[in-house]
Amino acid sequence: GCGIPADEVELAFARHATSKLSTADDLWSIATLGFRGEALPSIAAVAQVVCITRAVDADTGVELRIAGGETQAILPRGCSPGTTISVRNLFYNTPVRRDFLRSDATESAAITAVVTQYALAYPEVRFNLSVDGRATLQTSGNGDLRAATIEVYGLDVARQLLSVDAAVGEGIDHVRVSGLVSPPGLTRSSRAAIHLFINRRAIQPRGQIAIVLEEAYHTMLMKGRHPMAILNIDVHPAAVDVNVHPTKSEVKFRNTTQVMSVLGRAVRAALLESGVHPWGEPGVPALLDTAQRRFELRRLGVSPESAWDAPPSPVSPASEGDWGGAWQQEPAALPASQPTVQTSKLPPLRVVGQIAQSYIIAESPDGIYLIDQHAAHERITYERLMAQRGVGAIESQELLIPQVVDLPPTAHDVLLAAADQLAEWGFAIEPFGRSLRIRAIPAVLYPGDLATALLEIADHLSGRGGTTPHGWREALLITLSCHTSVRAGQTLSFDEMRGLVLQLEQCASPRTCPHGRPTMILLTTTQIERQFGRIK
């Protein structure tokens, strides 16, 4: 800092002397972490404190020693401009308080958590933390949030995080959300890696604000998993009350709805737009470079040499009707079917084969992908159903041979009672003795295990899943996507595998199924080379 004048250093440890408030109206424009001027005197009252400071325009500094709130000495001191405060023997004069301290490891962890929070909140400030002589945290203070994140979570994690930046409104209605969030494949078992700040003041990741953040990952996270996030919500100081909780770890907004809306949309947008840079590196161009175009042509079965003079063209998405429609096209015809390049959320993938009748092997410029065929088809089916439902009723496809399904009496009766409602989803059902006869299903669906799907639909209709119309619709979408998709253990032809991958590339969120499970895992070229001993 800029240091404290020698004639004011003792006053700095008096109660309220460093308050940021000049008038009562200042309470409506608090832009600092503290404002009452109580921190220094409170610490000095229960510890031995040494303050060494020198104002930038002073020739020499001063050293102030305080113990138990009483000044012990004040001496001239040669030092650099700025202020250094040392706190020793905490609670030495209040042994009852000291006895209630937890173990050294626990207290050190609490200190580390606080320093980590503010190292992320203020990347322009250099933080150094040592515990028992061991450097625990050291940030550069260069102002780059991602650089600070590297020091906290490591390079591999930091490079995967997605940038978030969105703002609306002006003046007291201004809201800006900025920072970093993890892609769906990078999660934690708790919210410990969620760092939330309001005007760069750390708050606890709980309540509505945490729910909105995690809801942005809807259908992308596995149950019991939580994202990583480093987000600052910037609002007008008068639009937030920071005194809701004694520790200021919770706040109350003047316009909660607007803040939550901006937060949810900003995070969701970052997740959906992450495919612009498919390898997670900032600055990777959306258009394929020469080497990537060669890989793309090779994936499609086209000789790179014979096609090299022609401009690069994308893979055509699968038709919106029959989910296998695009599989029937000749590979060489696909590049000519679209005149412009489309951005995919995935790197270019070349199908190699299938293992365990469940996983598709695909090669990419950055390694080998193992694609869960069932989870991938769930995502494809879910997004197609959602798109159709968004513009009206689901398109129905009549079955050549109606399927007869035996169900428990309760489910049987519930489904028949909701026949008209199910018709809007593309189903045509009728009684067939004690069974149901299914004459039609949604056109985009693969005829899978309809009995299990209909049982779950009956549960939703009975109120055991989705208590609101929106919740019921969402539950039905996920149920249909799961139970009518290609199953694990099903052999696929090469064209079927290739068609499934092509359609997955066109999905808005291709890396997770609607339940939040990953659709694919990557074995990087570096990992392969390390396993073969080519690199260390």
Protein backbone atom coordinates (compact mmCIF):
# COMPACT_ATOMS: atom_id res chain seq x y z
CA GLY A 1 0.00 0.00 0.00
CA CYS A 2 0.90 3.67 0.22
CA GLY A 3 1.79 3.57 3.92
CA ILE A 4 0.43 5.39 6.99
CA PRO A 5 1.80 8.79 8.12
CA ALA A 6 3.84 8.44 11.32
CA ASP A 7 1.60 10.78 13.30
CA GLU A 8 -1.51 8.71 12.38
CA VAL A 9 -0.30 5.15 12.84
CA GLU A 10 -1.37 4.91 16.50
CA LEU A 11 -4.77 6.38 15.67
CA ALA A 12 -5.27 3.64 13.06
CA PHE A 13 -5.69 1.12 15.91
CA ALA A 14 -8.42 3.15 17.65
CA ARG A 15 -11.98 1.87 17.22
CA HIS A 16 -13.76 3.25 14.15
CA ALA A 17 -10.80 5.48 13.25
CA THR A 18 -10.44 3.83 9.85
CA SER A 19 -14.16 3.75 9.07
CA LYS A 20 -14.96 4.42 5.44
CA LEU A 21 -18.16 6.22 6.46
CA SER A 22 -18.37 10.01 6.57
CA THR A 23 -22.16 10.36 6.57
CA ALA A 24 -25.12 8.04 7.06
CA ASP A 25 -25.76 8.18 3.32
CA ASP A 26 -22.44 6.35 2.78
CA LEU A 27 -24.15 3.19 4.00
CA TRP A 28 -25.88 3.08 0.60
CA SER A 29 -22.67 3.15 -1.40
CA ILE A 30 -20.27 0.78 0.34
CA ALA A 31 -17.68 -0.33 -2.21
CA THR A 32 -15.05 -1.75 0.15
CA LEU A 33 -14.79 -5.00 2.11
CA GLY A 34 -15.01 -3.20 5.47
CA PHE A 35 -16.44 0.12 6.53
CA ARG A 36 -16.78 0.26 10.33
CA GLY A 37 -13.09 0.54 11.22
CA GLU A 38 -13.11 -2.34 13.72
CA ALA A 39 -10.67 -4.91 12.28
CA LEU A 40 -7.34 -3.46 13.48
CA PRO A 41 -8.43 -2.60 17.04
CA SER A 42 -10.22 -5.95 17.41
CA ILE A 43 -7.10 -7.90 16.44
CA ALA A 44 -4.83 -5.72 18.57
CA ALA A 45 -7.06 -6.28 21.62
CA VAL A 46 -6.41 -10.06 21.67
CA ALA A 47 -2.89 -10.41 20.26
CA GLN A 48 0.58 -8.93 20.09
CA VAL A 49 0.73 -6.75 16.98
CA VAL A 50 3.65 -5.07 15.25
CA CYS A 51 2.91 -2.50 12.55
CA ILE A 52 5.79 -1.26 10.39
CA THR A 53 4.81 1.48 7.95
CA ARG A 54 6.20 4.29 5.85
CA ALA A 55 4.23 6.82 3.86
CA VAL A 56 5.38 7.21 0.26
CA ASP A 57 6.38 10.84 0.81
CA ALA A 58 8.25 10.20 4.13
CA ASP A 59 12.00 9.73 4.47
CA THR A 60 11.72 7.14 7.24
CA GLY A 61 9.09 4.83 8.60
CA VAL A 62 7.77 3.96 12.03
CA GLU A 63 7.31 0.78 14.06
CA LEU A 64 4.32 0.50 16.40
CA ARG A 65 4.03 -2.30 18.95
CA ILE A 66 0.66 -3.05 20.61
CA ALA A 67 -0.26 -5.84 23.02
CA GLY A 68 -3.74 -6.44 24.39
CA GLY A 69 -4.90 -3.14 22.95
CA GLU A 70 -2.20 -1.14 24.75
CA THR A 71 0.64 0.68 22.97
CA GLN A 72 3.99 -0.76 24.06
CA ALA A 73 6.36 1.24 21.88
CA ILE A 74 6.52 3.49 18.84
CA LEU A 75 9.92 3.86 17.19
CA PRO A 76 11.39 5.30 13.99
CA ARG A 77 12.21 2.55 11.49
CA GLY A 78 13.92 2.34 8.13
CA CYS A 79 11.69 0.45 5.70
CA SER A 80 10.20 0.49 2.23
CA PRO A 81 7.01 2.46 1.51
CA GLY A 82 3.88 0.56 2.50
CA THR A 83 2.60 -1.27 5.56
CA THR A 84 3.47 -4.61 7.16
CA ILE A 85 1.41 -5.96 10.05
CA SER A 86 2.47 -8.98 12.13
CA VAL A 87 0.05 -10.69 14.53
CA ARG A 88 1.53 -13.03 17.14
CA ASN A 89 0.21 -15.03 20.11
CA LEU A 90 -3.45 -14.73 19.18
CA PHE A 91 -5.74 -14.84 22.28
CA TYR A 92 -2.71 -14.83 24.61
CA ASN A 93 -4.69 -12.66 27.04
CA THR A 94 -7.99 -14.51 26.63
CA PRO A 95 -7.08 -18.17 27.28
CA VAL A 96 -10.71 -19.29 27.23
CA ARG A 97 -10.99 -18.15 23.61
CA ARG A 98 -7.66 -19.78 22.80
CA ASP A 99 -8.78 -23.10 24.25
CA PHE A 100 -11.65 -23.16 21.79
CA LEU A 101 -9.35 -22.99 18.79
CA ARG A 102 -9.39 -26.16 16.73
CA SER A 103 -6.33 -28.12 15.63
CA ASP A 104 -3.46 -26.37 13.86
CA ALA A 105 -4.38 -28.14 10.62
CA THR A 106 -8.01 -27.03 10.83
CA GLU A 107 -7.16 -23.42 11.61
CA SER A 108 -4.52 -23.37 8.85
CA ALA A 109 -7.11 -24.69 6.41
CA ALA A 110 -9.48 -21.88 7.40
CA ILE A 111 -6.76 -19.29 6.81
CA THR A 112 -5.85 -20.84 3.47
CA ALA A 113 -9.51 -20.76 2.40
CA VAL A 114 -9.78 -17.03 3.13
CA VAL A 115 -6.53 -16.15 1.37
CA THR A 116 -7.45 -18.31 -1.61
CA GLN A 117 -10.82 -16.61 -1.92
CA TYR A 118 -9.31 -13.16 -2.11
CA ALA A 119 -6.42 -14.20 -4.31
CA LEU A 120 -9.12 -15.13 -6.83
CA ALA A 121 -11.21 -12.04 -6.12
CA TYR A 122 -8.24 -9.71 -6.56
CA PRO A 123 -5.90 -11.17 -9.19
CA GLU A 124 -4.17 -7.79 -9.44
CA VAL A 125 -2.91 -8.18 -5.85
CA ARG A 126 0.06 -10.46 -5.15
CA PHE A 127 -0.63 -12.98 -2.38
CA ASN A 128 1.99 -15.10 -0.61
CA LEU A 129 0.93 -17.64 2.00
CA SER A 130 3.34 -19.82 3.98
CA VAL A 131 2.39 -22.37 6.63
CA ASP A 132 5.17 -23.56 8.94
CA GLY A 133 7.75 -22.20 6.53
CA ARG A 134 6.23 -24.00 3.55
CA ALA A 135 4.90 -21.91 0.68
CA THR A 136 1.22 -22.78 0.31
CA LEU A 137 0.07 -20.16 -2.19
CA GLN A 138 1.81 -17.55 -4.29
CA THR A 139 0.11 -15.47 -6.98
CA SER A 140 1.74 -13.07 -9.38
CA GLY A 141 -0.62 -10.12 -8.98
CA ASN A 142 -0.57 -9.50 -12.74
CA GLY A 143 -4.35 -9.03 -12.89
CA ASP A 144 -5.05 -12.23 -14.89
CA LEU A 145 -7.73 -14.32 -13.19
CA ARG A 146 -6.74 -17.44 -15.08
CA ALA A 147 -3.13 -17.00 -13.91
CA ALA A 148 -4.33 -16.78 -10.29
CA THR A 149 -6.47 -19.86 -10.88
CA ILE A 150 -3.42 -21.79 -12.09
CA GLU A 151 -1.76 -21.15 -8.73
CA VAL A 152 -4.84 -22.35 -6.85
CA TYR A 153 -6.02 -25.28 -8.96
CA GLY A 154 -3.17 -26.03 -11.35
CA LEU A 155 -2.66 -25.61 -15.07
CA ASP A 156 -4.72 -28.59 -16.22
CA VAL A 157 -7.82 -27.31 -14.44
CA ALA A 158 -7.34 -23.63 -15.23
CA ARG A 159 -6.93 -24.18 -18.96
CA GLN A 160 -10.29 -26.00 -19.10
CA LEU A 161 -12.32 -23.28 -17.40
CA LEU A 162 -14.68 -21.26 -19.58
CA SER A 163 -14.82 -17.48 -19.56
CA VAL A 164 -18.04 -15.79 -18.44
CA ASP A 165 -18.84 -12.13 -19.07
CA ALA A 166 -22.30 -10.62 -19.38
CA ALA A 167 -23.76 -7.26 -18.35
CA VAL A 168 -27.12 -5.52 -18.43
CA GLY A 169 -28.54 -2.23 -17.22
CA GLU A 170 -27.01 1.05 -16.07
CA GLY A 171 -26.72 2.92 -12.82
CA ILE A 172 -28.50 1.29 -9.91
CA ASP A 173 -29.87 -1.38 -12.29
CA HIS A 174 -26.43 -2.39 -13.56
CA VAL A 175 -25.52 -6.08 -13.22
CA ARG A 176 -22.39 -7.71 -14.57
CA VAL A 177 -21.32 -11.32 -14.15
CA SER A 178 -17.74 -12.20 -14.98
CA GLY A 179 -15.22 -14.92 -14.22
CA LEU A 180 -14.64 -18.58 -15.02
CA VAL A 181 -16.75 -21.75 -14.81
CA SER A 182 -15.93 -25.38 -15.44
CA PRO A 183 -17.17 -27.39 -18.42
CA PRO A 184 -19.62 -30.17 -17.52
CA GLY A 185 -16.89 -32.81 -17.45
CA LEU A 186 -14.94 -31.00 -14.73
CA THR A 187 -16.82 -31.32 -11.45
CA ARG A 188 -16.39 -31.74 -7.70
CA SER A 189 -18.29 -33.73 -5.09
CA SER A 190 -19.04 -30.58 -3.07
CA ARG A 191 -19.39 -26.85 -3.57
CA ALA A 192 -15.95 -26.17 -2.15
CA ALA A 193 -14.66 -25.13 -5.58
CA ILE A 194 -17.46 -22.59 -6.13
CA HIS A 195 -16.10 -19.10 -5.39
CA LEU A 196 -18.77 -16.40 -5.52
CA PHE A 197 -18.15 -12.69 -5.01
CA ILE A 198 -20.47 -9.71 -4.85
CA ASN A 199 -18.53 -6.59 -5.78
CA ARG A 200 -15.50 -8.77 -5.03
CA ARG A 201 -16.70 -9.60 -1.50
CA ALA A 202 -16.69 -13.38 -0.93
CA ILE A 203 -20.04 -14.97 -0.06
CA GLN A 204 -21.04 -18.54 0.71
CA PRO A 205 -22.10 -20.71 -2.27
CA ARG A 206 -25.51 -21.62 -0.92
CA GLY A 207 -29.11 -20.63 -1.23
CA GLN A 208 -30.71 -19.26 -4.36
CA ILE A 209 -27.51 -18.03 -5.95
CA ALA A 210 -25.92 -21.49 -5.82
CA ILE A 211 -29.10 -23.11 -7.11
CA VAL A 212 -29.24 -20.76 -10.10
CA LEU A 213 -25.59 -21.43 -10.90
CA GLU A 214 -26.04 -25.19 -10.85
CA GLU A 215 -29.34 -24.99 -12.72
CA ALA A 216 -27.38 -23.51 -15.63
CA TYR A 217 -25.80 -26.98 -15.91
CA HIS A 218 -29.23 -28.59 -16.23
CA THR A 219 -28.92 -32.09 -17.77
CA MET A 220 -25.13 -31.64 -17.90
CA LEU A 221 -24.09 -32.72 -14.39
CA MET A 222 -24.23 -36.15 -12.81
CA LYS A 223 -26.26 -36.39 -9.62
CA GLY A 224 -24.22 -35.42 -6.58
CA ARG A 225 -21.65 -33.50 -8.61
CA HIS A 226 -21.05 -29.75 -8.52
CA PRO A 227 -19.33 -27.39 -10.96
CA MET A 228 -16.28 -25.27 -10.32
CA ALA A 229 -16.80 -21.53 -10.58
CA ILE A 230 -15.01 -18.26 -9.90
CA LEU A 231 -17.62 -15.59 -10.47
CA ASN A 232 -17.92 -11.94 -9.48
CA ILE A 233 -21.32 -10.30 -9.61
CA ASP A 234 -20.88 -6.56 -9.92
CA VAL A 235 -23.87 -4.43 -8.94
CA HIS A 236 -24.40 -0.86 -7.80
CA PRO A 237 -23.47 -0.63 -4.08
CA ALA A 238 -26.94 0.70 -3.31
CA ALA A 239 -28.50 -2.37 -4.96
CA VAL A 240 -27.11 -4.87 -2.45
CA ASP A 241 -27.28 -5.20 1.34
CA VAL A 242 -24.08 -6.76 2.69
CA ASN A 243 -25.22 -6.72 6.33
CA VAL A 244 -27.67 -9.61 6.17
CA HIS A 245 -25.23 -11.90 8.02
CA PRO A 246 -22.74 -11.00 10.80
CA THR A 247 -19.85 -12.38 8.74
CA LYS A 248 -21.15 -10.68 5.57
CA SER A 249 -21.10 -14.11 3.92
CA GLU A 250 -24.64 -13.63 2.62
CA VAL A 251 -26.19 -10.66 0.85
CA LYS A 252 -29.60 -9.44 -0.24
CA PHE A 253 -30.18 -7.84 -3.64
CA ARG A 254 -32.49 -4.97 -4.42
CA ASN A 255 -33.59 -6.79 -7.58
CA THR A 256 -32.94 -10.47 -6.97
CA THR A 257 -34.81 -11.60 -10.07
CA GLN A 258 -32.67 -9.55 -12.41
CA VAL A 259 -29.40 -10.64 -10.80
CA MET A 260 -30.32 -14.32 -10.89
CA SER A 261 -31.49 -14.05 -14.47
CA VAL A 262 -28.22 -12.50 -15.63
CA LEU A 263 -26.22 -15.07 -13.67
CA GLY A 264 -28.09 -18.06 -15.08
CA ARG A 265 -28.02 -16.82 -18.67
CA ALA A 266 -24.34 -15.86 -18.52
CA VAL A 267 -23.21 -19.27 -17.26
CA ARG A 268 -25.49 -21.18 -19.61
CA ALA A 269 -24.26 -19.14 -22.57
CA ALA A 270 -20.63 -19.85 -21.67
CA LEU A 271 -21.37 -23.58 -21.54
CA LEU A 272 -23.20 -23.66 -24.85
CA GLU A 273 -20.64 -21.49 -26.61
CA SER A 274 -17.66 -23.47 -25.36
CA GLY A 275 -17.63 -25.50 -28.56
CA VAL A 276 -16.26 -22.50 -30.47
CA HIS A 277 -12.84 -23.49 -29.10
CA PRO A 278 -13.12 -27.28 -29.10
CA TRP A 279 -9.79 -27.94 -27.40
CA GLY A 280 -10.44 -25.48 -24.57
CA GLU A 281 -7.62 -23.16 -25.58
CA PRO A 282 -8.30 -19.43 -25.91
CA GLY A 283 -7.70 -18.11 -29.40
CA VAL A 284 -8.23 -21.37 -31.31
CA PRO A 285 -10.01 -20.26 -34.52
CA ALA A 286 -13.41 -21.71 -35.27
CA LEU A 287 -12.45 -22.38 -38.89
CA LEU A 288 -10.30 -25.45 -39.35
CA ASP A 289 -6.70 -24.89 -40.31
CA THR A 290 -4.96 -26.87 -43.05
CA ALA A 291 -4.06 -29.89 -40.93
CA GLN A 292 -7.53 -30.05 -39.41
CA ARG A 293 -9.17 -29.85 -42.86
CA ARG A 294 -7.06 -32.80 -43.98
CA PHE A 295 -8.24 -34.73 -40.92
CA GLU A 296 -11.87 -33.79 -41.64
CA LEU A 297 -11.70 -34.94 -45.27
CA ARG A 298 -10.03 -38.19 -44.21
CA ARG A 299 -12.78 -38.75 -41.64
CA LEU A 300 -15.39 -38.43 -44.39
CA GLY A 301 -13.65 -40.90 -46.65
CA VAL A 302 -12.47 -38.24 -49.12
CA SER A 303 -8.86 -38.18 -50.32
CA PRO A 304 -7.26 -34.95 -49.01
CA GLU A 305 -5.04 -34.81 -52.07
CA SER A 306 -7.91 -35.02 -54.55
CA ALA A 307 -10.01 -32.46 -52.71
CA TRP A 308 -7.31 -30.10 -51.57
CA ASP A 309 -7.88 -27.39 -54.11
CA ALA A 310 -11.54 -27.13 -53.19
CA PRO A 311 -12.61 -24.90 -50.28
CA PRO A 312 -13.25 -26.73 -47.00
CA SER A 313 -16.86 -27.69 -46.31
CA PRO A 314 -18.54 -28.98 -43.19
CA VAL A 315 -20.29 -32.16 -42.31
CA SER A 316 -23.98 -31.96 -43.03
CA PRO A 317 -26.15 -32.51 -39.98
CA ALA A 318 -28.50 -35.43 -39.86
CA SER A 319 -32.02 -34.83 -41.11
CA GLU A 320 -34.58 -33.70 -38.57
CA GLY A 321 -36.84 -36.62 -39.43
CA ASP A 322 -35.62 -40.20 -39.26
CA TRP A 323 -32.62 -40.22 -36.94
CA GLY A 324 -30.79 -42.57 -39.29
CA GLY A 325 -31.54 -40.58 -42.44
CA ALA A 326 -28.13 -38.99 -42.75
CA TRP A 327 -26.42 -42.35 -42.39
CA GLN A 328 -27.54 -43.37 -45.86
CA GLN A 329 -25.66 -40.58 -47.61
CA GLU A 330 -22.41 -41.34 -49.37
CA PRO A 331 -19.43 -39.92 -47.44
CA ALA A 332 -18.15 -37.96 -50.44
CA ALA A 333 -21.54 -36.31 -50.86
CA LEU A 334 -21.55 -34.88 -47.34
CA PRO A 335 -18.94 -32.12 -47.92
CA ALA A 336 -20.85 -30.81 -50.90
CA SER A 337 -24.18 -30.60 -49.12
CA GLN A 338 -23.53 -27.31 -47.31
CA PRO A 339 -21.91 -24.16 -48.77
CA THR A 340 -20.72 -22.67 -45.44
CA VAL A 341 -18.68 -23.86 -42.48
CA GLN A 342 -20.67 -24.64 -39.33
CA THR A 343 -19.16 -24.48 -35.89
CA SER A 344 -19.22 -27.80 -34.02
CA LYS A 345 -19.12 -28.17 -30.27
CA LEU A 346 -16.67 -31.06 -30.72
CA PRO A 347 -13.36 -31.51 -32.50
CA PRO A 348 -13.55 -33.36 -35.84
CA LEU A 349 -14.01 -37.07 -35.15
CA ARG A 350 -13.20 -40.01 -37.41
CA VAL A 351 -14.99 -43.22 -36.44
CA VAL A 352 -12.64 -46.19 -36.07
CA GLY A 353 -14.89 -48.89 -34.65
CA GLN A 354 -16.86 -50.25 -31.70
CA ILE A 355 -15.82 -52.10 -28.56
CA ALA A 356 -17.90 -54.10 -26.09
CA GLN A 357 -20.92 -53.37 -28.30
CA SER A 358 -21.30 -50.20 -26.23
CA TYR A 359 -18.57 -47.71 -27.06
CA ILE A 360 -17.61 -46.07 -30.32
CA ILE A 361 -13.92 -45.41 -30.88
CA ALA A 362 -13.24 -42.16 -32.73
CA GLU A 363 -9.97 -40.48 -33.63
CA SER A 364 -9.47 -36.73 -33.29
CA PRO A 365 -6.51 -34.36 -33.67
CA ASP A 366 -6.01 -34.41 -29.89
CA GLY A 367 -6.29 -38.16 -29.28
CA ILE A 368 -8.80 -40.99 -29.06
CA TYR A 369 -12.40 -40.54 -27.89
CA LEU A 370 -14.48 -43.35 -26.40
CA ILE A 371 -18.14 -42.48 -27.01
CA ASP A 372 -20.91 -44.12 -24.98
CA GLN A 373 -23.39 -44.92 -27.75
CA HIS A 374 -26.40 -44.96 -25.42
CA ALA A 375 -25.55 -41.70 -23.65
CA ALA A 376 -24.74 -40.03 -26.98
CA HIS A 377 -28.04 -41.11 -28.50
CA GLU A 378 -29.86 -39.94 -25.39
CA ARG A 379 -28.44 -36.44 -25.93
CA ILE A 380 -29.39 -36.47 -29.62
CA THR A 381 -32.92 -37.65 -28.92
CA TYR A 382 -33.40 -35.25 -26.01
CA GLU A 383 -32.43 -32.18 -28.03
CA ARG A 384 -34.58 -33.19 -31.00
CA LEU A 385 -37.60 -33.82 -28.81
CA MET A 386 -37.02 -30.54 -27.01
CA ALA A 387 -36.77 -28.66 -30.31
CA GLN A 388 -39.96 -30.22 -31.64
CA ARG A 389 -41.80 -29.62 -28.39
CA GLY A 390 -40.71 -26.00 -28.51
CA VAL A 391 -42.53 -25.38 -31.80
CA GLY A 392 -45.60 -27.52 -31.16
CA ALA A 393 -46.62 -31.15 -30.75
CA ILE A 394 -44.11 -33.94 -31.24
CA GLU A 395 -44.20 -35.45 -34.73
CA SER A 396 -45.72 -38.94 -34.59
CA GLN A 397 -44.63 -42.04 -36.50
CA GLU A 398 -47.08 -44.90 -36.95
CA LEU A 399 -45.61 -48.32 -36.26
CA LEU A 400 -45.85 -50.85 -39.06
CA ILE A 401 -46.65 -53.51 -36.47
CA PRO A 402 -48.29 -52.14 -33.30
CA GLN A 403 -46.56 -53.16 -30.07
CA VAL A 404 -48.53 -54.74 -27.24
CA VAL A 405 -47.23 -53.81 -23.79
CA ASP A 406 -48.19 -55.43 -20.48
CA LEU A 407 -48.18 -53.01 -17.55
CA PRO A 408 -49.36 -53.04 -13.92
CA PRO A 409 -53.03 -52.11 -13.59
CA THR A 410 -52.33 -48.72 -12.04
CA ALA A 411 -49.95 -47.68 -14.83
CA HIS A 412 -52.35 -49.09 -17.43
CA ASP A 413 -55.22 -46.95 -16.15
CA VAL A 414 -53.14 -43.80 -15.73
CA LEU A 415 -51.82 -43.97 -19.29
CA LEU A 416 -55.23 -44.59 -20.80
CA ALA A 417 -56.65 -41.66 -18.86
CA ALA A 418 -53.90 -39.46 -20.30
CA ALA A 419 -54.18 -40.74 -23.87
CA ASP A 420 -54.95 -37.27 -25.27
CA GLN A 421 -52.03 -35.73 -23.39
CA LEU A 422 -49.69 -38.47 -24.66
CA ALA A 423 -50.92 -37.88 -28.20
CA GLU A 424 -49.30 -34.43 -28.02
CA TRP A 425 -46.02 -36.27 -27.46
CA GLY A 426 -46.50 -38.48 -30.50
CA PHE A 427 -47.97 -41.56 -28.82
CA ALA A 428 -51.11 -43.35 -29.99
CA ILE A 429 -52.26 -45.86 -27.38
CA GLU A 430 -55.42 -47.92 -26.96
CA PRO A 431 -56.66 -50.70 -24.64
CA PHE A 432 -55.94 -54.27 -25.70
CA GLY A 433 -57.53 -56.48 -23.08
CA ARG A 434 -55.42 -56.02 -19.93
CA SER A 435 -52.58 -54.66 -22.05
CA LEU A 436 -51.90 -51.54 -24.07
CA ARG A 437 -51.45 -51.46 -27.80
CA ILE A 438 -49.00 -48.82 -29.05
CA ARG A 439 -49.83 -47.75 -32.59
CA ALA A 440 -47.51 -44.74 -32.87
CA ILE A 441 -44.50 -43.24 -31.14
CA PRO A 442 -42.57 -39.95 -31.55
CA ALA A 443 -41.01 -39.99 -35.01
CA VAL A 444 -37.47 -39.24 -33.86
CA LEU A 445 -37.40 -42.15 -31.42
CA TYR A 446 -35.67 -45.46 -31.84
CA PRO A 447 -38.16 -48.20 -30.82
CA GLY A 448 -36.42 -49.37 -27.68
CA ASP A 449 -37.77 -50.59 -24.38
CA LEU A 450 -41.18 -48.95 -24.52
CA ALA A 451 -42.56 -50.90 -21.56
CA THR A 452 -40.02 -49.45 -19.13
CA ALA A 453 -40.44 -45.99 -20.62
CA LEU A 454 -44.21 -46.12 -20.30
CA LEU A 455 -43.93 -47.25 -16.68
CA GLU A 456 -41.84 -44.18 -15.85
CA ILE A 457 -44.23 -41.96 -17.80
CA ALA A 458 -47.07 -43.37 -15.70
CA ASP A 459 -45.10 -42.48 -12.56
CA HIS A 460 -44.69 -38.91 -13.79
CA LEU A 461 -48.39 -38.67 -14.59
CA SER A 462 -49.15 -39.91 -11.08
CA GLY A 463 -47.11 -37.09 -9.56
CA ARG A 464 -44.08 -39.17 -8.60
CA GLY A 465 -41.80 -37.18 -10.88
CA GLY A 466 -42.18 -33.57 -11.95
CA THR A 467 -44.64 -31.74 -9.69
CA THR A 468 -45.18 -28.81 -12.08
CA PRO A 469 -46.08 -28.80 -15.80
CA HIS A 470 -42.52 -27.75 -16.61
CA GLY A 471 -41.05 -30.40 -14.32
CA TRP A 472 -43.31 -33.08 -15.75
CA ARG A 473 -42.37 -32.12 -19.31
CA GLU A 474 -38.66 -32.19 -18.45
CA ALA A 475 -38.97 -35.56 -16.73
CA LEU A 476 -40.82 -36.96 -19.72
CA LEU A 477 -38.22 -35.68 -22.16
CA ILE A 478 -35.43 -37.34 -20.18
CA THR A 479 -37.37 -40.58 -19.76
CA LEU A 480 -38.16 -40.87 -23.45
CA SER A 481 -34.61 -40.01 -24.41
CA CYS A 482 -33.23 -42.72 -22.13
CA HIS A 483 -35.55 -45.64 -22.79
CA THR A 484 -35.93 -45.24 -26.53
CA SER A 485 -32.28 -44.72 -27.45
CA VAL A 486 -29.75 -47.22 -28.73
CA ARG A 487 -28.80 -49.51 -25.89
CA ALA A 488 -25.44 -50.59 -24.59
CA GLY A 489 -24.65 -54.05 -25.96
CA GLN A 490 -26.20 -53.32 -29.35
CA THR A 491 -23.99 -53.88 -32.38
CA LEU A 492 -23.90 -50.91 -34.76
CA SER A 493 -22.77 -50.89 -38.36
CA PHE A 494 -20.01 -48.51 -39.41
CA ASP A 495 -22.55 -46.21 -41.10
CA GLU A 496 -24.71 -46.20 -37.97
CA MET A 497 -21.75 -45.28 -35.79
CA ARG A 498 -20.69 -42.55 -38.17
CA GLY A 499 -24.23 -41.19 -38.39
CA LEU A 500 -24.57 -41.10 -34.61
CA VAL A 501 -21.28 -39.19 -34.26
CA LEU A 502 -22.30 -36.72 -36.99
CA GLN A 503 -25.54 -35.99 -35.18
CA LEU A 504 -23.83 -35.70 -31.80
CA GLU A 505 -21.56 -33.04 -33.28
CA GLN A 506 -24.62 -30.93 -34.05
CA CYS A 507 -25.95 -31.00 -30.48
CA ALA A 508 -25.85 -27.88 -28.34
CA SER A 509 -24.45 -29.83 -25.37
CA PRO A 510 -22.84 -32.94 -26.86
CA ARG A 511 -20.57 -33.92 -23.98
CA THR A 512 -23.23 -35.05 -21.49
CA CYS A 513 -26.46 -36.99 -21.63
CA PRO A 514 -29.68 -35.47 -20.18
CA HIS A 515 -28.88 -37.15 -16.84
CA GLY A 516 -25.52 -35.38 -16.71
CA ARG A 517 -23.36 -38.43 -17.43
CA PRO A 518 -20.49 -37.89 -19.90
CA THR A 519 -21.12 -39.06 -23.46
CA MET A 520 -17.41 -39.40 -24.14
CA ILE A 521 -13.98 -39.55 -22.58
CA LEU A 522 -10.70 -38.49 -24.16
CA LEU A 523 -7.41 -40.38 -24.14
CA THR A 524 -5.00 -37.67 -25.31
CA THR A 525 -2.05 -38.27 -27.58
CA THR A 526 0.19 -37.20 -24.70
CA GLN A 527 -1.32 -39.85 -22.43
CA ILE A 528 -0.84 -42.52 -25.09
CA GLU A 529 2.76 -41.53 -25.70
CA ARG A 530 3.47 -41.52 -21.98
CA GLN A 531 2.05 -45.03 -21.62
CA PHE A 532 4.33 -46.25 -24.42
CA GLY A 533 7.33 -44.58 -22.83
CA ARG A 534 7.84 -42.12 -25.66
CA ILE A 535 7.70 -39.20 -23.25
CA LYS A 536 8.06 -38.87 -19.49
